[in-house]
């Protein structure tokens, strides 16, 4: 429990300091539900770069801090989420290259840590007003479908 509190405080302080430096306090909150063909499903809530995710088939929870680079100045940008899997006490990085087409985004992502290599993912995000629809595939031969509402 002490680790969880420490990680939450660290993520909150990083997010606050970055918002304060830019002078922007834009609210980027969302709630999402993802289902995969391997039987897993996920419920996530996010606010200002910090996300909490719960895997519904097992008691698996994850905290994520995500930072985007070059998003405002280029059609191709880099997103670097840092995950902390609470039950496994395992951090992972999951960098993604995202290309912004006029009507959708193409995402290519690889999850890893210094001792292990995880799945690679390719997905398409389609944004309609405040809702994002995601369809994707990863190297475990799993298809994923996500619905995300931003507020």
Protein backbone atom coordinates (compact mmCIF):
# COMPACT_ATOMS: atom_id res chain seq x y z
CA UNK A 1 0.00 0.00 0.00
CA UNK A 2 2.90 2.36 0.74
CA UNK A 3 4.23 1.77 -2.80
CA UNK A 4 0.84 2.64 -4.29
CA UNK A 5 0.59 5.89 -2.32
CA UNK A 6 4.17 6.82 -3.28
CA UNK A 7 3.52 6.17 -6.99
CA UNK A 8 0.28 8.19 -6.93
CA UNK A 9 2.00 11.13 -5.22
CA UNK A 10 4.91 10.99 -7.66
CA UNK A 11 2.64 10.96 -10.72
CA UNK A 12 0.49 13.76 -9.32
CA UNK A 13 3.48 15.97 -8.62
CA UNK A 14 4.95 15.39 -12.09
CA UNK A 15 1.63 16.18 -13.77
CA UNK A 16 1.10 19.30 -11.67
CA UNK A 17 4.62 20.62 -12.31
CA UNK A 18 4.28 20.14 -16.08
CA UNK A 19 0.88 21.85 -16.15
CA UNK A 20 2.25 24.73 -14.09
CA UNK A 21 5.26 25.15 -16.41
CA UNK A 22 3.11 25.44 -19.53
CA UNK A 23 0.54 27.62 -17.82
CA UNK A 24 -2.24 25.38 -19.11
CA UNK A 25 -4.63 23.57 -16.82
CA UNK A 26 -6.69 21.84 -19.49
CA UNK A 27 -8.88 19.04 -18.22
CA UNK A 28 -8.29 15.91 -20.25
CA UNK A 29 -10.40 13.36 -18.44
CA UNK A 30 -11.78 10.17 -19.90
CA UNK A 31 -13.42 6.88 -19.10
CA UNK A 32 -13.00 3.86 -21.35
CA UNK A 33 -13.94 0.21 -21.73
CA UNK A 34 -11.87 -2.25 -23.77
CA UNK A 35 -12.67 -5.83 -24.68
CA UNK A 36 -10.29 -8.31 -26.32
CA UNK A 37 -10.77 -11.59 -28.15
CA UNK A 38 -8.70 -13.44 -25.53
CA UNK A 39 -11.51 -12.88 -23.01
CA UNK A 40 -9.94 -9.96 -21.12
CA UNK A 41 -11.76 -6.69 -20.60
CA UNK A 42 -10.58 -3.44 -19.02
CA UNK A 43 -12.16 -0.40 -17.43
CA UNK A 44 -10.06 2.78 -17.23
CA UNK A 45 -10.40 6.28 -15.89
CA UNK A 46 -7.89 9.02 -16.68
CA UNK A 47 -7.22 12.61 -15.71
CA UNK A 48 -4.36 14.86 -16.83
CA UNK A 49 -1.99 12.11 -17.97
CA UNK A 50 -2.64 9.70 -15.10
CA UNK A 51 -4.81 6.63 -15.69
CA UNK A 52 -6.07 3.85 -13.46
CA UNK A 53 -6.97 0.60 -15.20
CA UNK A 54 -8.75 -2.45 -13.82
CA UNK A 55 -8.81 -5.81 -15.61
CA UNK A 56 -12.25 -7.23 -14.97
CA UNK A 57 -11.51 -10.96 -15.25
CA UNK A 58 -8.78 -10.88 -12.57
CA UNK A 59 -7.87 -8.49 -9.82
CA UNK A 60 -5.19 -6.77 -11.87
CA UNK A 61 -4.80 -3.03 -11.53
CA UNK A 62 -2.42 -0.65 -13.23
CA UNK A 63 -1.43 2.99 -12.81
CA UNK A 64 -0.18 4.80 -15.90
CA UNK A 65 1.52 8.14 -16.44
CA UNK A 66 1.59 9.19 -20.11
CA UNK A 67 3.45 12.01 -21.83
CA UNK A 68 3.15 13.01 -25.50
CA UNK A 69 6.00 14.58 -27.47
CA UNK A 70 5.62 16.68 -30.66
CA UNK A 71 1.80 16.22 -30.69
CA UNK A 72 1.02 19.86 -31.42
CA UNK A 73 3.75 20.44 -34.00
CA UNK A 74 3.68 17.29 -36.15
CA UNK A 75 1.32 14.71 -37.64
CA UNK A 76 3.65 12.01 -36.29
CA UNK A 77 4.16 12.13 -32.54
CA UNK A 78 5.60 10.00 -29.76
CA UNK A 79 3.59 8.90 -26.74
CA UNK A 80 5.43 7.33 -23.80
CA UNK A 81 3.26 5.72 -21.11
CA UNK A 82 4.92 4.39 -17.97
CA UNK A 83 2.82 1.63 -16.37
CA UNK A 84 3.03 0.23 -12.89
CA UNK A 85 1.27 -3.12 -12.44
CA UNK A 86 0.30 -3.07 -8.78
CA UNK A 87 -0.17 -6.78 -8.03
CA UNK A 88 3.05 -7.76 -9.83
CA UNK A 89 5.02 -4.71 -8.57
CA UNK A 90 6.23 -4.41 -12.15
CA UNK A 91 6.83 -1.20 -14.11
CA UNK A 92 6.81 -1.26 -17.93
CA UNK A 93 7.30 1.27 -20.70
CA UNK A 94 4.98 1.25 -23.70
CA UNK A 95 6.20 3.83 -26.24
CA UNK A 96 3.96 4.44 -29.25
CA UNK A 97 4.34 6.21 -32.55
CA UNK A 98 1.06 7.79 -33.60
CA UNK A 99 0.35 9.22 -37.04
CA UNK A 100 -2.58 11.63 -37.23
CA UNK A 101 -4.47 11.15 -40.49
CA UNK A 102 -7.31 13.59 -41.23
CA UNK A 103 -10.06 11.16 -40.06
CA UNK A 104 -8.24 8.68 -37.80
CA UNK A 105 -4.99 7.96 -35.95
CA UNK A 106 -2.69 5.00 -36.59
CA UNK A 107 -0.88 3.71 -33.48
CA UNK A 108 2.11 1.34 -33.34
CA UNK A 109 3.23 0.40 -29.83
CA UNK A 110 5.67 -1.93 -28.03
CA UNK A 111 5.59 -2.79 -24.31
CA UNK A 112 8.83 -3.75 -22.54
CA UNK A 113 11.00 -3.45 -19.46
CA UNK A 114 14.72 -4.02 -19.13
CA UNK A 115 14.22 -7.71 -18.18
CA UNK A 116 11.33 -8.59 -20.48
CA UNK A 117 9.70 -7.93 -23.82
CA UNK A 118 5.92 -7.79 -24.03
CA UNK A 119 3.40 -7.51 -26.87
CA UNK A 120 3.53 -5.15 -29.81
CA UNK A 121 0.28 -3.52 -30.91
CA UNK A 122 -1.09 -1.88 -34.01
CA UNK A 123 -4.40 -0.01 -33.75
CA UNK A 124 -6.61 2.56 -35.40
CA UNK A 125 -8.37 5.26 -33.37
CA UNK A 126 -11.40 6.96 -34.86
CA UNK A 127 -12.58 10.11 -33.07
CA UNK A 128 -16.21 11.19 -33.27
CA UNK A 129 -16.96 14.26 -31.14
CA UNK A 130 -16.04 13.26 -27.54
CA UNK A 131 -15.89 9.51 -28.27
CA UNK A 132 -12.90 7.54 -29.56
CA UNK A 133 -13.35 4.09 -31.07
CA UNK A 134 -10.27 1.83 -31.21
CA UNK A 135 -9.76 -1.36 -33.20
CA UNK A 136 -6.42 -3.11 -32.95
CA UNK A 137 -4.36 -6.28 -32.95
CA UNK A 138 -1.36 -7.38 -30.89
CA UNK A 139 1.33 -10.05 -31.23
CA UNK A 140 -0.50 -12.44 -28.88
CA UNK A 141 -2.99 -12.83 -31.78
CA UNK A 142 -5.59 -10.83 -29.89
CA UNK A 143 -7.95 -8.27 -31.37
CA UNK A 144 -9.01 -5.37 -29.17
CA UNK A 145 -11.96 -2.99 -29.30
CA UNK A 146 -12.15 0.12 -27.12
CA UNK A 147 -14.71 2.83 -26.54
CA UNK A 148 -13.45 5.98 -24.81
CA UNK A 149 -15.47 9.01 -23.73
CA UNK A 150 -13.55 12.26 -23.07
CA UNK A 151 -14.89 15.00 -20.83
